[in-house]
N, C-alpha and C. Protein backbone atom coordinates (compact mmCIF):
# COMPACT_ATOMS: atom_id res chain seq x y z
N UNK A 1 -26.10 25.23 -6.60
CA UNK A 1 -24.88 24.56 -7.04
C UNK A 1 -25.24 23.59 -8.17
N UNK A 2 -24.44 23.58 -9.17
CA UNK A 2 -24.72 22.75 -10.33
C UNK A 2 -23.51 21.88 -10.63
N UNK A 3 -23.76 20.62 -10.95
CA UNK A 3 -22.68 19.73 -11.35
C UNK A 3 -22.94 19.24 -12.76
N UNK A 4 -21.90 18.94 -13.44
CA UNK A 4 -22.02 18.48 -14.81
C UNK A 4 -21.16 17.24 -14.98
N UNK A 5 -21.70 16.17 -15.52
CA UNK A 5 -20.94 14.96 -15.71
C UNK A 5 -20.98 14.07 -14.48
N UNK A 6 -20.12 13.10 -14.42
CA UNK A 6 -20.08 12.15 -13.32
C UNK A 6 -19.12 12.57 -12.23
N UNK A 7 -18.91 11.70 -11.27
CA UNK A 7 -17.98 12.00 -10.19
C UNK A 7 -16.55 12.06 -10.70
N UNK A 8 -15.67 12.73 -9.98
CA UNK A 8 -14.27 12.81 -10.43
C UNK A 8 -13.60 11.45 -10.36
N UNK A 9 -12.71 11.20 -11.29
CA UNK A 9 -11.94 9.95 -11.32
C UNK A 9 -10.72 10.15 -10.43
N UNK A 10 -10.78 9.65 -9.20
CA UNK A 10 -9.71 9.88 -8.23
C UNK A 10 -8.46 9.10 -8.59
N UNK A 11 -8.61 7.79 -8.81
CA UNK A 11 -7.45 6.99 -9.22
C UNK A 11 -7.92 5.63 -9.71
N UNK A 12 -7.07 5.01 -10.47
CA UNK A 12 -7.32 3.66 -10.95
C UNK A 12 -6.54 2.71 -10.06
N UNK A 13 -7.23 1.96 -9.23
CA UNK A 13 -6.58 1.09 -8.24
C UNK A 13 -5.69 0.06 -8.90
N UNK A 14 -6.02 -0.40 -10.08
CA UNK A 14 -5.22 -1.43 -10.73
C UNK A 14 -3.85 -0.92 -11.18
N UNK A 15 -3.70 0.41 -11.29
CA UNK A 15 -2.43 0.95 -11.77
C UNK A 15 -1.48 1.34 -10.63
N UNK A 16 -1.88 1.15 -9.38
CA UNK A 16 -1.00 1.50 -8.27
C UNK A 16 0.15 0.51 -8.17
N UNK A 17 1.34 1.03 -7.96
CA UNK A 17 2.52 0.19 -7.89
C UNK A 17 2.72 -0.36 -6.48
N UNK A 18 3.13 -1.61 -6.39
CA UNK A 18 3.45 -2.21 -5.10
C UNK A 18 4.96 -2.39 -5.01
N UNK A 19 5.46 -2.47 -3.80
CA UNK A 19 6.88 -2.69 -3.56
C UNK A 19 7.04 -3.95 -2.71
N UNK A 20 8.21 -4.56 -2.80
CA UNK A 20 8.52 -5.73 -1.99
C UNK A 20 9.12 -5.27 -0.66
N UNK A 21 8.64 -5.85 0.42
CA UNK A 21 9.11 -5.52 1.77
C UNK A 21 9.45 -6.77 2.53
N UNK A 22 10.27 -6.60 3.57
CA UNK A 22 10.59 -7.69 4.48
C UNK A 22 10.49 -7.16 5.91
N UNK A 23 9.78 -7.91 6.75
CA UNK A 23 9.62 -7.52 8.15
C UNK A 23 10.91 -7.83 8.91
N UNK A 24 11.39 -6.88 9.67
CA UNK A 24 12.61 -7.08 10.45
C UNK A 24 12.35 -7.84 11.75
N UNK A 25 11.08 -7.98 12.13
CA UNK A 25 10.76 -8.71 13.35
C UNK A 25 10.51 -10.20 13.10
N UNK A 26 9.67 -10.52 12.10
CA UNK A 26 9.33 -11.94 11.88
C UNK A 26 9.92 -12.52 10.60
N UNK A 27 10.51 -11.68 9.73
CA UNK A 27 11.13 -12.15 8.49
C UNK A 27 10.17 -12.38 7.34
N UNK A 28 8.90 -12.05 7.51
CA UNK A 28 7.90 -12.22 6.47
C UNK A 28 8.20 -11.32 5.29
N UNK A 29 8.12 -11.87 4.07
CA UNK A 29 8.30 -11.09 2.85
C UNK A 29 6.93 -10.89 2.24
N UNK A 30 6.63 -9.64 1.85
CA UNK A 30 5.31 -9.33 1.32
C UNK A 30 5.38 -8.13 0.39
N UNK A 31 4.30 -7.93 -0.37
CA UNK A 31 4.16 -6.77 -1.24
C UNK A 31 3.24 -5.79 -0.54
N UNK A 32 3.58 -4.52 -0.64
CA UNK A 32 2.76 -3.50 0.00
C UNK A 32 2.82 -2.20 -0.76
N UNK A 33 1.98 -1.27 -0.35
CA UNK A 33 1.99 0.06 -0.95
C UNK A 33 1.63 1.07 0.11
N UNK A 34 1.95 2.30 -0.18
CA UNK A 34 1.67 3.36 0.77
C UNK A 34 2.95 3.85 1.42
N UNK A 35 2.80 4.86 2.24
CA UNK A 35 3.97 5.46 2.89
C UNK A 35 4.49 4.64 4.05
N UNK A 36 3.60 4.02 4.80
CA UNK A 36 4.00 3.26 5.98
C UNK A 36 3.31 1.90 6.03
N UNK A 37 3.74 0.97 5.17
CA UNK A 37 3.11 -0.35 5.19
C UNK A 37 3.39 -1.09 6.50
N UNK A 38 2.52 -2.01 6.84
CA UNK A 38 2.62 -2.79 8.07
C UNK A 38 2.68 -4.27 7.68
N UNK A 39 3.46 -5.05 8.40
CA UNK A 39 3.57 -6.48 8.14
C UNK A 39 2.20 -7.15 8.34
N UNK A 40 1.72 -7.90 7.34
CA UNK A 40 0.42 -8.55 7.47
C UNK A 40 0.44 -9.72 8.46
N UNK A 41 1.61 -10.27 8.77
CA UNK A 41 1.69 -11.41 9.70
C UNK A 41 1.69 -10.98 11.15
N UNK A 42 2.58 -10.03 11.51
CA UNK A 42 2.72 -9.69 12.92
C UNK A 42 2.33 -8.24 13.24
N UNK A 43 1.88 -7.50 12.24
CA UNK A 43 1.45 -6.11 12.38
C UNK A 43 2.59 -5.16 12.80
N UNK A 44 3.83 -5.57 12.57
CA UNK A 44 4.98 -4.73 12.92
C UNK A 44 5.15 -3.60 11.91
N UNK A 45 5.64 -2.48 12.38
CA UNK A 45 5.94 -1.35 11.50
C UNK A 45 7.43 -1.32 11.17
N UNK A 46 8.18 -2.27 11.69
CA UNK A 46 9.62 -2.35 11.47
C UNK A 46 9.89 -3.19 10.23
N UNK A 47 9.81 -2.54 9.06
CA UNK A 47 10.02 -3.24 7.81
C UNK A 47 11.06 -2.51 6.98
N UNK A 48 11.59 -3.22 5.98
CA UNK A 48 12.56 -2.61 5.06
C UNK A 48 12.22 -3.05 3.65
N UNK A 49 12.65 -2.26 2.70
CA UNK A 49 12.46 -2.61 1.29
C UNK A 49 13.32 -3.80 0.96
N UNK A 50 12.74 -4.74 0.23
CA UNK A 50 13.48 -5.96 -0.12
C UNK A 50 13.98 -5.88 -1.55
């Protein structure tokens, strides 16, 4: 097996977009990313887009 060049460029972390969320359990407002963000304060999965 032969490889040429460096490793593949998977993604640029600085270019990922974040969204604003609000926890429906504790009311914490935070920025998150991904399909299923979790509240950083209470670890609840019950959040909504703010």
